[in-house]
PDB file of N, CA and C in Angstrom:
ATOM      1  N   MET A   1       9.714 -88.995  -7.857  1.00  0.00           N
ATOM      2  CA  MET A   1       9.501 -88.315  -6.599  1.00  0.00           C
ATOM      3  C   MET A   1       8.040 -88.490  -6.214  1.00  0.00           C
ATOM      4  N   LYS A   2       7.798 -89.006  -5.021  1.00  0.00           N
ATOM      5  CA  LYS A   2       6.433 -89.191  -4.539  1.00  0.00           C
ATOM      6  C   LYS A   2       6.022 -87.942  -3.771  1.00  0.00           C
ATOM      7  N   LEU A   3       4.853 -87.427  -4.124  1.00  0.00           N
ATOM      8  CA  LEU A   3       4.350 -86.216  -3.508  1.00  0.00           C
ATOM      9  C   LEU A   3       2.923 -86.447  -3.024  1.00  0.00           C
ATOM     10  N   PRO A   4       2.463 -85.669  -2.059  1.00  0.00           N
ATOM     11  CA  PRO A   4       1.068 -85.783  -1.630  1.00  0.00           C
ATOM     12  C   PRO A   4       0.127 -85.425  -2.785  1.00  0.00           C
ATOM     13  N   ALA A   5      -1.064 -85.965  -2.765  1.00  0.00           N
ATOM     14  CA  ALA A   5      -2.042 -85.688  -3.814  1.00  0.00           C
ATOM     15  C   ALA A   5      -2.346 -84.200  -3.864  1.00  0.00           C
ATOM     16  N   GLY A   6      -2.312 -83.627  -5.062  1.00  0.00           N
ATOM     17  CA  GLY A   6      -2.597 -82.219  -5.254  1.00  0.00           C
ATOM     18  C   GLY A   6      -1.430 -81.291  -4.989  1.00  0.00           C
ATOM     19  N   TYR A   7      -0.269 -81.828  -4.602  1.00  0.00           N
ATOM     20  CA  TYR A   7       0.893 -80.981  -4.307  1.00  0.00           C
ATOM     21  C   TYR A   7       1.483 -80.403  -5.581  1.00  0.00           C
ATOM     22  N   ALA A   8       1.558 -81.217  -6.631  1.00  0.00           N
ATOM     23  CA  ALA A   8       2.121 -80.778  -7.912  1.00  0.00           C
ATOM     24  C   ALA A   8       1.535 -81.615  -9.037  1.00  0.00           C
ATOM     25  N   SER A   9       1.662 -81.092 -10.245  1.00  0.00           N
ATOM     26  CA  SER A   9       1.190 -81.827 -11.415  1.00  0.00           C
ATOM     27  C   SER A   9       2.122 -82.989 -11.724  1.00  0.00           C
ATOM     28  N   ASN A  10       1.665 -83.881 -12.574  1.00  0.00           N
ATOM     29  CA  ASN A  10       2.521 -84.935 -13.079  1.00  0.00           C
ATOM     30  C   ASN A  10       3.447 -84.295 -14.122  1.00  0.00           C
ATOM     31  N   ILE A  11       4.668 -84.026 -13.749  1.00  0.00           N
ATOM     32  CA  ILE A  11       5.582 -83.274 -14.600  1.00  0.00           C
ATOM     33  C   ILE A  11       5.907 -84.037 -15.879  1.00  0.00           C
ATOM     34  N   ALA A  12       5.895 -85.352 -15.817  1.00  0.00           N
ATOM     35  CA  ALA A  12       6.203 -86.151 -17.004  1.00  0.00           C
ATOM     36  C   ALA A  12       5.232 -85.843 -18.147  1.00  0.00           C
ATOM     37  N   ARG A  13       4.006 -85.487 -17.841  1.00  0.00           N
ATOM     38  CA  ARG A  13       3.041 -85.154 -18.892  1.00  0.00           C
ATOM     39  C   ARG A  13       3.310 -83.810 -19.525  1.00  0.00           C
ATOM     40  N   HIS A  14       4.136 -82.980 -18.909  1.00  0.00           N
ATOM     41  CA  HIS A  14       4.402 -81.638 -19.416  1.00  0.00           C
ATOM     42  C   HIS A  14       5.772 -81.501 -20.075  1.00  0.00           C
ATOM     43  N   VAL A  15       6.492 -82.588 -20.230  1.00  0.00           N
ATOM     44  CA  VAL A  15       7.807 -82.556 -20.874  1.00  0.00           C
ATOM     45  C   VAL A  15       7.640 -83.021 -22.319  1.00  0.00           C
ATOM     46  N   GLN A  16       8.132 -82.191 -23.246  1.00  0.00           N
ATOM     47  CA  GLN A  16       8.040 -82.530 -24.656  1.00  0.00           C
ATOM     48  C   GLN A  16       9.244 -81.939 -25.371  1.00  0.00           C
ATOM     49  N   ASP A  17       9.976 -82.775 -26.092  1.00  0.00           N
ATOM     50  CA  ASP A  17      11.161 -82.336 -26.841  1.00  0.00           C
ATOM     51  C   ASP A  17      12.133 -81.555 -25.976  1.00  0.00           C
ATOM     52  N   ARG A  18      12.466 -82.087 -24.817  1.00  0.00           N
ATOM     53  CA  ARG A  18      13.421 -81.492 -23.878  1.00  0.00           C
ATOM     54  C   ARG A  18      13.002 -80.114 -23.358  1.00  0.00           C
ATOM     55  N   SER A  19      11.734 -79.820 -23.379  1.00  0.00           N
ATOM     56  CA  SER A  19      11.256 -78.577 -22.801  1.00  0.00           C
ATOM     57  C   SER A  19      10.047 -78.875 -21.912  1.00  0.00           C
ATOM     58  N   ILE A  20       9.846 -78.009 -20.946  1.00  0.00           N
ATOM     59  CA  ILE A  20       8.744 -78.170 -20.000  1.00  0.00           C
ATOM     60  C   ILE A  20       7.741 -77.058 -20.280  1.00  0.00           C
ATOM     61  N   TRP A  21       6.487 -77.406 -20.413  1.00  0.00           N
ATOM     62  CA  TRP A  21       5.459 -76.424 -20.739  1.00  0.00           C
ATOM     63  C   TRP A  21       4.186 -76.703 -19.928  1.00  0.00           C
ATOM     64  N   GLY A  22       3.391 -75.680 -19.735  1.00  0.00           N
ATOM     65  CA  GLY A  22       2.081 -75.839 -19.131  1.00  0.00           C
ATOM     66  C   GLY A  22       2.039 -76.127 -17.651  1.00  0.00           C
ATOM     67  N   LEU A  23       3.081 -75.788 -16.925  1.00  0.00           N
ATOM     68  CA  LEU A  23       3.068 -76.021 -15.485  1.00  0.00           C
ATOM     69  C   LEU A  23       2.469 -74.820 -14.750  1.00  0.00           C
ATOM     70  N   LYS A  24       1.960 -75.078 -13.577  1.00  0.00           N
ATOM     71  CA  LYS A  24       1.444 -74.011 -12.727  1.00  0.00           C
ATOM     72  C   LYS A  24       2.575 -73.474 -11.864  1.00  0.00           C
ATOM     73  N   THR A  25       2.339 -72.375 -11.199  1.00  0.00           N
ATOM     74  CA  THR A  25       3.366 -71.714 -10.387  1.00  0.00           C
ATOM     75  C   THR A  25       3.916 -72.641  -9.320  1.00  0.00           C
ATOM     76  N   GLN A  26       3.049 -73.365  -8.621  1.00  0.00           N
ATOM     77  CA  GLN A  26       3.543 -74.251  -7.561  1.00  0.00           C
ATOM     78  C   GLN A  26       4.390 -75.373  -8.125  1.00  0.00           C
ATOM     79  N   ASP A  27       4.161 -75.766  -9.385  1.00  0.00           N
ATOM     80  CA  ASP A  27       4.984 -76.798 -10.013  1.00  0.00           C
ATOM     81  C   ASP A  27       6.406 -76.280 -10.252  1.00  0.00           C
ATOM     82  N   TYR A  28       6.508 -75.032 -10.693  1.00  0.00           N
ATOM     83  CA  TYR A  28       7.837 -74.442 -10.892  1.00  0.00           C
ATOM     84  C   TYR A  28       8.569 -74.270  -9.564  1.00  0.00           C
ATOM     85  N   HIS A  29       7.828 -73.908  -8.515  1.00  0.00           N
ATOM     86  CA  HIS A  29       8.451 -73.809  -7.189  1.00  0.00           C
ATOM     87  C   HIS A  29       8.982 -75.169  -6.749  1.00  0.00           C
ATOM     88  N   MET A  30       8.208 -76.216  -6.988  1.00  0.00           N
ATOM     89  CA  MET A  30       8.645 -77.559  -6.623  1.00  0.00           C
ATOM     90  C   MET A  30       9.885 -77.956  -7.422  1.00  0.00           C
ATOM     91  N   LEU A  31       9.914 -77.603  -8.703  1.00  0.00           N
ATOM     92  CA  LEU A  31      11.091 -77.893  -9.517  1.00  0.00           C
ATOM     93  C   LEU A  31      12.319 -77.179  -8.975  1.00  0.00           C
ATOM     94  N   MET A  32      12.178 -75.893  -8.652  1.00  0.00           N
ATOM     95  CA  MET A  32      13.317 -75.117  -8.167  1.00  0.00           C
ATOM     96  C   MET A  32      13.806 -75.605  -6.811  1.00  0.00           C
ATOM     97  N   GLN A  33      12.881 -75.986  -5.941  1.00  0.00           N
ATOM     98  CA  GLN A  33      13.260 -76.333  -4.589  1.00  0.00           C
ATOM     99  C   GLN A  33      13.734 -77.772  -4.436  1.00  0.00           C
ATOM    100  N   HIS A  34      13.249 -78.674  -5.266  1.00  0.00           N
ATOM    101  CA  HIS A  34      13.545 -80.091  -5.050  1.00  0.00           C
ATOM    102  C   HIS A  34      14.280 -80.763  -6.203  1.00  0.00           C
ATOM    103  N   LEU A  35      13.871 -80.512  -7.433  1.00  0.00           N
ATOM    104  CA  LEU A  35      14.403 -81.282  -8.552  1.00  0.00           C
ATOM    105  C   LEU A  35      15.572 -80.623  -9.272  1.00  0.00           C
ATOM    106  N   LEU A  36      15.741 -79.327  -9.141  1.00  0.00           N
ATOM    107  CA  LEU A  36      16.820 -78.634  -9.835  1.00  0.00           C
ATOM    108  C   LEU A  36      18.183 -79.176  -9.437  1.00  0.00           C
ATOM    109  N   SER A  37      18.361 -79.417  -8.159  1.00  0.00           N
ATOM    110  CA  SER A  37      19.665 -79.895  -7.680  1.00  0.00           C
ATOM    111  C   SER A  37      20.017 -81.258  -8.262  1.00  0.00           C
ATOM    112  N   ILE A  38      19.026 -82.085  -8.515  1.00  0.00           N
ATOM    113  CA  ILE A  38      19.278 -83.401  -9.112  1.00  0.00           C
ATOM    114  C   ILE A  38      19.609 -83.255 -10.589  1.00  0.00           C
ATOM    115  N   ALA A  39      18.900 -82.371 -11.274  1.00  0.00           N
ATOM    116  CA  ALA A  39      19.050 -82.239 -12.716  1.00  0.00           C
ATOM    117  C   ALA A  39      20.371 -81.609 -13.134  1.00  0.00           C
ATOM    118  N   ILE A  40      20.920 -80.715 -12.324  1.00  0.00           N
ATOM    119  CA  ILE A  40      22.098 -79.977 -12.759  1.00  0.00           C
ATOM    120  C   ILE A  40      23.422 -80.626 -12.372  1.00  0.00           C
ATOM    121  N   CYS A  41      23.391 -81.671 -11.586  1.00  0.00           N
ATOM    122  CA  CYS A  41      24.633 -82.255 -11.063  1.00  0.00           C
ATOM    123  C   CYS A  41      25.608 -82.698 -12.157  1.00  0.00           C
ATOM    124  N   ARG A  42      25.100 -83.249 -13.244  1.00  0.00           N
ATOM    125  CA  ARG A  42      25.975 -83.746 -14.299  1.00  0.00           C
ATOM    126  C   ARG A  42      26.132 -82.780 -15.457  1.00  0.00           C
ATOM    127  N   VAL A  43      25.401 -81.694 -15.447  1.00  0.00           N
ATOM    128  CA  VAL A  43      25.406 -80.778 -16.587  1.00  0.00           C
ATOM    129  C   VAL A  43      26.372 -79.616 -16.393  1.00  0.00           C
ATOM    130  N   LEU A  44      26.425 -79.074 -15.194  1.00  0.00           N
ATOM    131  CA  LEU A  44      27.209 -77.881 -14.921  1.00  0.00           C
ATOM    132  C   LEU A  44      28.465 -78.209 -14.116  1.00  0.00           C
ATOM    133  N   PRO A  45      29.452 -77.304 -14.139  1.00  0.00           N
ATOM    134  CA  PRO A  45      30.639 -77.485 -13.301  1.00  0.00           C
ATOM    135  C   PRO A  45      30.274 -77.485 -11.813  1.00  0.00           C
ATOM    136  N   LYS A  46      31.119 -78.126 -11.003  1.00  0.00           N
ATOM    137  CA  LYS A  46      30.824 -78.310  -9.586  1.00  0.00           C
ATOM    138  C   LYS A  46      30.631 -77.001  -8.824  1.00  0.00           C
ATOM    139  N   ASN A  47      31.400 -75.958  -9.162  1.00  0.00           N
ATOM    140  CA  ASN A  47      31.254 -74.699  -8.424  1.00  0.00           C
ATOM    141  C   ASN A  47      29.888 -74.061  -8.705  1.00  0.00           C
ATOM    142  N   MET A  48      29.383 -74.181  -9.922  1.00  0.00           N
ATOM    143  CA  MET A  48      28.052 -73.648 -10.241  1.00  0.00           C
ATOM    144  C   MET A  48      26.964 -74.490  -9.571  1.00  0.00           C
ATOM    145  N   VAL A  49      27.152 -75.793  -9.552  1.00  0.00           N
ATOM    146  CA  VAL A  49      26.181 -76.689  -8.931  1.00  0.00           C
ATOM    147  C   VAL A  49      26.057 -76.369  -7.443  1.00  0.00           C
ATOM    148  N   LYS A  50      27.189 -76.140  -6.789  1.00  0.00           N
ATOM    149  CA  LYS A  50      27.180 -75.839  -5.356  1.00  0.00           C
ATOM    150  C   LYS A  50      26.380 -74.570  -5.059  1.00  0.00           C
ATOM    151  N   VAL A  51      26.591 -73.534  -5.859  1.00  0.00           N
ATOM    152  CA  VAL A  51      25.885 -72.270  -5.641  1.00  0.00           C
ATOM    153  C   VAL A  51      24.386 -72.437  -5.878  1.00  0.00           C
ATOM    154  N   LEU A  52      24.005 -73.149  -6.934  1.00  0.00           N
ATOM    155  CA  LEU A  52      22.580 -73.324  -7.240  1.00  0.00           C
ATOM    156  C   LEU A  52      21.880 -74.214  -6.208  1.00  0.00           C
ATOM    157  N   ILE A  53      22.581 -75.209  -5.692  1.00  0.00           N
ATOM    158  CA  ILE A  53      21.993 -76.042  -4.643  1.00  0.00           C
ATOM    159  C   ILE A  53      21.804 -75.235  -3.362  1.00  0.00           C
ATOM    160  N   GLU A  54      22.771 -74.379  -3.025  1.00  0.00           N
ATOM    161  CA  GLU A  54      22.621 -73.504  -1.858  1.00  0.00           C
ATOM    162  C   GLU A  54      21.415 -72.585  -2.025  1.00  0.00           C
ATOM    163  N   LEU A  55      21.239 -72.026  -3.219  1.00  0.00           N
ATOM    164  CA  LEU A  55      20.102 -71.153  -3.482  1.00  0.00           C
ATOM    165  C   LEU A  55      18.789 -71.918  -3.363  1.00  0.00           C
ATOM    166  N   SER A  56      18.760 -73.129  -3.879  1.00  0.00           N
ATOM    167  CA  SER A  56      17.571 -73.972  -3.783  1.00  0.00           C
ATOM    168  C   SER A  56      17.231 -74.271  -2.331  1.00  0.00           C
ATOM    169  N   ASN A  57      18.240 -74.571  -1.525  1.00  0.00           N
ATOM    170  CA  ASN A  57      18.014 -74.854  -0.097  1.00  0.00           C
ATOM    171  C   ASN A  57      17.496 -73.624   0.645  1.00  0.00           C
ATOM    172  N   VAL A  58      18.014 -72.454   0.289  1.00  0.00           N
ATOM    173  CA  VAL A  58      17.556 -71.219   0.938  1.00  0.00           C
ATOM    174  C   VAL A  58      16.079 -70.974   0.616  1.00  0.00           C
ATOM    175  N   PHE A  59      15.689 -71.161  -0.649  1.00  0.00           N
ATOM    176  CA  PHE A  59      14.281 -70.975  -1.001  1.00  0.00           C
ATOM    177  C   PHE A  59      13.404 -72.000  -0.301  1.00  0.00           C
ATOM    178  N   ARG A  60      13.891 -73.213  -0.147  1.00  0.00           N
ATOM    179  CA  ARG A  60      13.123 -74.229   0.559  1.00  0.00           C
ATOM    180  C   ARG A  60      12.920 -73.817   2.018  1.00  0.00           C
ATOM    181  N   GLN A  61      13.965 -73.264   2.640  1.00  0.00           N
ATOM    182  CA  GLN A  61      13.844 -72.818   4.024  1.00  0.00           C
ATOM    183  C   GLN A  61      12.918 -71.602   4.142  1.00  0.00           C
ATOM    184  N   LEU A  62      13.029 -70.666   3.197  1.00  0.00           N
ATOM    185  CA  LEU A  62      12.178 -69.480   3.242  1.00  0.00           C
ATOM    186  C   LEU A  62      10.705 -69.814   3.056  1.00  0.00           C
ATOM    187  N   CYS A  63      10.425 -70.821   2.249  1.00  0.00           N
ATOM    188  CA  CYS A  63       9.036 -71.182   1.945  1.00  0.00           C
ATOM    189  C   CYS A  63       8.457 -72.199   2.919  1.00  0.00           C
ATOM    190  N   SER A  64       9.212 -72.589   3.938  1.00  0.00           N
ATOM    191  CA  SER A  64       8.670 -73.531   4.897  1.00  0.00           C
ATOM    192  C   SER A  64       7.587 -72.833   5.728  1.00  0.00           C
ATOM    193  N   LYS A  65       6.696 -73.625   6.299  1.00  0.00           N
ATOM    194  CA  LYS A  65       5.567 -73.055   7.037  1.00  0.00           C
ATOM    195  C   LYS A  65       5.983 -72.430   8.361  1.00  0.00           C
ATOM    196  N   LEU A  66       7.013 -72.993   8.976  1.00  0.00           N
ATOM    197  CA  LEU A  66       7.459 -72.484  10.271  1.00  0.00           C
ATOM    198  C   LEU A  66       8.895 -72.012  10.179  1.00  0.00           C
ATOM    199  N   ASN A  67       9.109 -70.757  10.448  1.00  0.00           N
ATOM    200  CA  ASN A  67      10.444 -70.183  10.538  1.00  0.00           C
ATOM    201  C   ASN A  67      10.527 -69.366  11.824  1.00  0.00           C
ATOM    202  N   ASN A  68      11.585 -69.588  12.569  1.00  0.00           N
ATOM    203  CA  ASN A  68      11.737 -68.726  13.741  1.00  0.00           C
ATOM    204  C   ASN A  68      12.741 -67.616  13.425  1.00  0.00           C
ATOM    205  N   LYS A  69      12.786 -66.628  14.277  1.00  0.00           N
ATOM    206  CA  LYS A  69      13.610 -65.442  14.039  1.00  0.00           C
ATOM    207  C   LYS A  69      15.087 -65.804  13.912  1.00  0.00           C
ATOM    208  N   CYS A  70      15.547 -66.713  14.742  1.00  0.00           N
ATOM    209  CA  CYS A  70      16.964 -67.107  14.707  1.00  0.00           C
ATOM    210  C   CYS A  70      17.322 -67.743  13.369  1.00  0.00           C
ATOM    211  N   GLU A  71      16.447 -68.623  12.866  1.00  0.00           N
ATOM    212  CA  GLU A  71      16.692 -69.276  11.572  1.00  0.00           C
ATOM    213  C   GLU A  71      16.736 -68.261  10.439  1.00  0.00           C
ATOM    214  N   LEU A  72      15.797 -67.334  10.440  1.00  0.00           N
ATOM    215  CA  LEU A  72      15.746 -66.330   9.373  1.00  0.00           C
ATOM    216  C   LEU A  72      16.960 -65.411   9.399  1.00  0.00           C
ATOM    217  N   GLU A  73      17.458 -65.093  10.567  1.00  0.00           N
ATOM    218  CA  GLU A  73      18.678 -64.283  10.660  1.00  0.00           C
ATOM    219  C   GLU A  73      19.871 -65.040  10.110  1.00  0.00           C
ATOM    220  N   LYS A  74      19.945 -66.360  10.384  1.00  0.00           N
ATOM    221  CA  LYS A  74      21.024 -67.185   9.820  1.00  0.00           C
ATOM    222  C   LYS A  74      20.914 -67.244   8.307  1.00  0.00           C
ATOM    223  N   ILE A  75      19.671 -67.380   7.806  1.00  0.00           N
ATOM    224  CA  ILE A  75      19.453 -67.410   6.362  1.00  0.00           C
ATOM    225  C   ILE A  75      19.904 -66.097   5.729  1.00  0.00           C
ATOM    226  N   GLN A  76      19.577 -64.983   6.376  1.00  0.00           N
ATOM    227  CA  GLN A  76      19.949 -63.675   5.857  1.00  0.00           C
ATOM    228  C   GLN A  76      21.469 -63.533   5.785  1.00  0.00           C
ATOM    229  N   ASP A  77      22.175 -63.967   6.819  1.00  0.00           N
ATOM    230  CA  ASP A  77      23.639 -63.914   6.804  1.00  0.00           C
ATOM    231  C   ASP A  77      24.211 -64.850   5.738  1.00  0.00           C
ATOM    232  N   HIS A  78      23.639 -66.031   5.628  1.00  0.00           N
ATOM    233  CA  HIS A  78      24.107 -67.000   4.641  1.00  0.00           C
ATOM    234  C   HIS A  78      23.852 -66.506   3.215  1.00  0.00           C
ATOM    235  N   LEU A  79      22.746 -65.796   3.017  1.00  0.00           N
ATOM    236  CA  LEU A  79      22.423 -65.267   1.694  1.00  0.00           C
ATOM    237  C   LEU A  79      23.463 -64.266   1.219  1.00  0.00           C
ATOM    238  N   ALA A  80      23.952 -63.439   2.112  1.00  0.00           N
ATOM    239  CA  ALA A  80      24.972 -62.463   1.716  1.00  0.00           C
ATOM    240  C   ALA A  80      26.225 -63.165   1.221  1.00  0.00           C
ATOM    241  N   VAL A  81      26.646 -64.203   1.924  1.00  0.00           N
ATOM    242  CA  VAL A  81      27.822 -64.976   1.509  1.00  0.00           C
ATOM    243  C   VAL A  81      27.537 -65.717   0.211  1.00  0.00           C
ATOM    244  N   MET A  82      26.353 -66.293   0.110  1.00  0.00           N
ATOM    245  CA  MET A  82      25.987 -67.035  -1.089  1.00  0.00           C
ATOM    246  C   MET A  82      25.940 -66.121  -2.314  1.00  0.00           C
ATOM    247  N   MET A  83      25.454 -64.895  -2.146  1.00  0.00           N
ATOM    248  CA  MET A  83      25.418 -63.945  -3.254  1.00  0.00           C
ATOM    249  C   MET A  83      26.834 -63.613  -3.728  1.00  0.00           C
ATOM    250  N   CYS A  84      27.772 -63.525  -2.806  1.00  0.00           N
ATOM    251  CA  CYS A  84      29.168 -63.302  -3.185  1.00  0.00           C
ATOM    252  C   CYS A  84      29.703 -64.490  -3.983  1.00  0.00           C
ATOM    253  N   HIS A  85      29.383 -65.706  -3.538  1.00  0.00           N
ATOM    254  CA  HIS A  85      29.813 -66.899  -4.274  1.00  0.00           C
ATOM    255  C   HIS A  85      29.195 -66.903  -5.670  1.00  0.00           C
ATOM    256  N   LYS A  86      27.928 -66.494  -5.755  1.00  0.00           N
ATOM    257  CA  LYS A  86      27.249 -66.474  -7.047  1.00  0.00           C
ATOM    258  C   LYS A  86      27.900 -65.460  -7.980  1.00  0.00           C
ATOM    259  N   GLU A  87      28.280 -64.307  -7.458  1.00  0.00           N
ATOM    260  CA  GLU A  87      28.929 -63.290  -8.285  1.00  0.00           C
ATOM    261  C   GLU A  87      30.318 -63.717  -8.744  1.00  0.00           C
ATOM    262  N   MET A  88      31.003 -64.531  -7.932  1.00  0.00           N
ATOM    263  CA  MET A  88      32.325 -65.025  -8.334  1.00  0.00           C
ATOM    264  C   MET A  88      32.220 -66.163  -9.341  1.00  0.00           C
ATOM    265  N   THR A  89      31.095 -66.884  -9.349  1.00  0.00           N
ATOM    266  CA  THR A  89      30.940 -68.065 -10.175  1.00  0.00           C
ATOM    267  C   THR A  89      30.365 -67.760 -11.555  1.00  0.00           C
ATOM    268  N   PHE A  90      29.332 -66.941 -11.603  1.00  0.00           N
ATOM    269  CA  PHE A  90      28.634 -66.678 -12.853  1.00  0.00           C
ATOM    270  C   PHE A  90      29.153 -65.409 -13.516  1.00  0.00           C
ATOM    271  N   PRO A  91      29.051 -65.305 -14.834  1.00  0.00           N
ATOM    272  CA  PRO A  91      29.521 -64.101 -15.531  1.00  0.00           C
ATOM    273  C   PRO A  91      28.626 -62.901 -15.215  1.00  0.00           C
ATOM    274  N   PRO A  92      29.158 -61.675 -15.354  1.00  0.00           N
ATOM    275  CA  PRO A  92      28.373 -60.480 -15.037  1.00  0.00           C
ATOM    276  C   PRO A  92      27.095 -60.342 -15.864  1.00  0.00           C
ATOM    277  N   SER A  93      27.082 -60.875 -17.067  1.00  0.00           N
ATOM    278  CA  SER A  93      25.891 -60.764 -17.903  1.00  0.00           C
ATOM    279  C   SER A  93      24.716 -61.576 -17.349  1.00  0.00           C
ATOM    280  N   PHE A  94      24.975 -62.476 -16.415  1.00  0.00           N
ATOM    281  CA  PHE A  94      23.936 -63.294 -15.802  1.00  0.00           C
ATOM    282  C   PHE A  94      23.046 -62.476 -14.869  1.00  0.00           C
ATOM    283  N   PHE A  95      23.574 -61.408 -14.314  1.00  0.00           N
ATOM    284  CA  PHE A  95      22.913 -60.690 -13.231  1.00  0.00           C
ATOM    285  C   PHE A  95      22.042 -59.553 -13.736  1.00  0.00           C
ATOM    286  N   ASP A  96      20.900 -59.415 -13.084  1.00  0.00           N
ATOM    287  CA  ASP A  96      20.030 -58.266 -13.256  1.00  0.00           C
ATOM    288  C   ASP A  96      19.438 -57.926 -11.886  1.00  0.00           C
ATOM    289  N   ILE A  97      18.463 -57.070 -11.859  1.00  0.00           N
ATOM    290  CA  ILE A  97      17.926 -56.589 -10.582  1.00  0.00           C
ATOM    291  C   ILE A  97      17.293 -57.696  -9.746  1.00  0.00           C
ATOM    292  N   ILE A  98      16.752 -58.721 -10.377  1.00  0.00           N
ATOM    293  CA  ILE A  98      16.037 -59.771  -9.662  1.00  0.00           C
ATOM    294  C   ILE A  98      16.984 -60.685  -8.869  1.00  0.00           C
ATOM    295  N   GLU A  99      18.252 -60.654  -9.160  1.00  0.00           N
ATOM    296  CA  GLU A  99      19.206 -61.522  -8.472  1.00  0.00           C
ATOM    297  C   GLU A  99      19.366 -61.164  -6.994  1.00  0.00           C
ATOM    298  N   ASN A 100      18.965 -59.965  -6.606  1.00  0.00           N
ATOM    299  CA  ASN A 100      19.054 -59.561  -5.201  1.00  0.00           C
ATOM    300  C   ASN A 100      17.786 -59.866  -4.418  1.00  0.00           C
ATOM    301  N   LEU A 101      16.789 -60.449  -5.054  1.00  0.00           N
ATOM    302  CA  LEU A 101      15.510 -60.730  -4.415  1.00  0.00           C
ATOM    303  C   LEU A 101      15.623 -61.613  -3.167  1.00  0.00           C
ATOM    304  N   PRO A 102      16.411 -62.679  -3.155  1.00  0.00           N
ATOM    305  CA  PRO A 102      16.450 -63.528  -1.947  1.00  0.00           C
ATOM    306  C   PRO A 102      16.819 -62.785  -0.675  1.00  0.00           C
ATOM    307  N   ILE A 103      17.708 -61.815  -0.749  1.00  0.00           N
ATOM    308  CA  ILE A 103      18.082 -61.064   0.454  1.00  0.00           C
ATOM    309  C   ILE A 103      16.876 -60.302   0.988  1.00  0.00           C
ATOM    310  N   HIS A 104      16.098 -59.710   0.093  1.00  0.00           N
ATOM    311  CA  HIS A 104      14.905 -58.975   0.513  1.00  0.00           C
ATOM    312  C   HIS A 104      13.829 -59.917   1.046  1.00  0.00           C
ATOM    313  N   LEU A 105      13.739 -61.119   0.507  1.00  0.00           N
ATOM    314  CA  LEU A 105      12.744 -62.079   1.002  1.00  0.00           C
ATOM    315  C   LEU A 105      13.026 -62.478   2.443  1.00  0.00           C
ATOM    316  N   ALA A 106      14.289 -62.635   2.788  1.00  0.00           N
ATOM    317  CA  ALA A 106      14.631 -62.995   4.162  1.00  0.00           C
ATOM    318  C   ALA A 106      14.259 -61.866   5.121  1.00  0.00           C
ATOM    319  N   VAL A 107      14.503 -60.628   4.719  1.00  0.00           N
ATOM    320  CA  VAL A 107      14.151 -59.479   5.568  1.00  0.00           C
ATOM    321  C   VAL A 107      12.631 -59.387   5.720  1.00  0.00           C
ATOM    322  N   GLU A 108      11.905 -59.577   4.620  1.00  0.00           N
ATOM    323  CA  GLU A 108      10.444 -59.507   4.679  1.00  0.00           C
ATOM    324  C   GLU A 108       9.868 -60.645   5.519  1.00  0.00           C
ATOM    325  N   ALA A 109      10.479 -61.828   5.452  1.00  0.00           N
ATOM    326  CA  ALA A 109      10.018 -62.934   6.277  1.00  0.00           C
ATOM    327  C   ALA A 109      10.259 -62.641   7.757  1.00  0.00           C
ATOM    328  N   LEU A 110      11.331 -61.932   8.067  1.00  0.00           N
ATOM    329  CA  LEU A 110      11.571 -61.515   9.454  1.00  0.00           C
ATOM    330  C   LEU A 110      10.490 -60.559   9.936  1.00  0.00           C
ATOM    331  N   MET A 111      10.059 -59.654   9.065  1.00  0.00           N
ATOM    332  CA  MET A 111       9.064 -58.651   9.468  1.00  0.00           C
ATOM    333  C   MET A 111       7.640 -59.198   9.465  1.00  0.00           C
ATOM    334  N   ALA A 112       7.290 -60.001   8.432  1.00  0.00           N
ATOM    335  CA  ALA A 112       5.898 -60.358   8.240  1.00  0.00           C
ATOM    336  C   ALA A 112       5.574 -61.828   8.538  1.00  0.00           C
ATOM    337  N   GLY A 113       6.570 -62.634   8.796  1.00  0.00           N
ATOM    338  CA  GLY A 113       6.314 -64.040   9.053  1.00  0.00           C
ATOM    339  C   GLY A 113       6.583 -64.876   7.814  1.00  0.00           C
ATOM    340  N   ALA A 114       5.905 -66.011   7.712  1.00  0.00           N
ATOM    341  CA  ALA A 114       6.142 -66.959   6.623  1.00  0.00           C
ATOM    342  C   ALA A 114       5.906 -66.296   5.266  1.00  0.00           C
ATOM    343  N   VAL A 115       6.635 -66.767   4.250  1.00  0.00           N
ATOM    344  CA  VAL A 115       6.611 -66.161   2.922  1.00  0.00           C
ATOM    345  C   VAL A 115       5.213 -66.185   2.321  1.00  0.00           C
ATOM    346  N   GLN A 116       4.438 -67.227   2.580  1.00  0.00           N
ATOM    347  CA  GLN A 116       3.101 -67.308   1.965  1.00  0.00           C
ATOM    348  C   GLN A 116       2.160 -66.232   2.491  1.00  0.00           C
ATOM    349  N   PHE A 117       2.511 -65.559   3.603  1.00  0.00           N
ATOM    350  CA  PHE A 117       1.668 -64.487   4.120  1.00  0.00           C
ATOM    351  C   PHE A 117       2.119 -63.152   3.601  1.00  0.00           C
TER     352      PHE A 117
END
């Protein structure tokens, strides 16, 4: 994946024995938003892959620099449906309080603007 200079670390230098270590926060965000969907396609069942790719796309949209009110309202509606799909797909032991965070992020982005602010 080609990225602008300074956008993310060279991830290949941080992979050792099938684990990733020493990345900065923006590197993990880049992994979640761009590379996760590629990595999980052959590992997980299709229904789980679909839900995780939807979640990745929502975070990519939330973290974009420009969001208008109409887009954020669509994201908020889509998040509710996506959360239902996630609850039907993953076992109950997977969920904790943080799993509801995306719904709150969409509401906060509506009130305060872009996520980085």
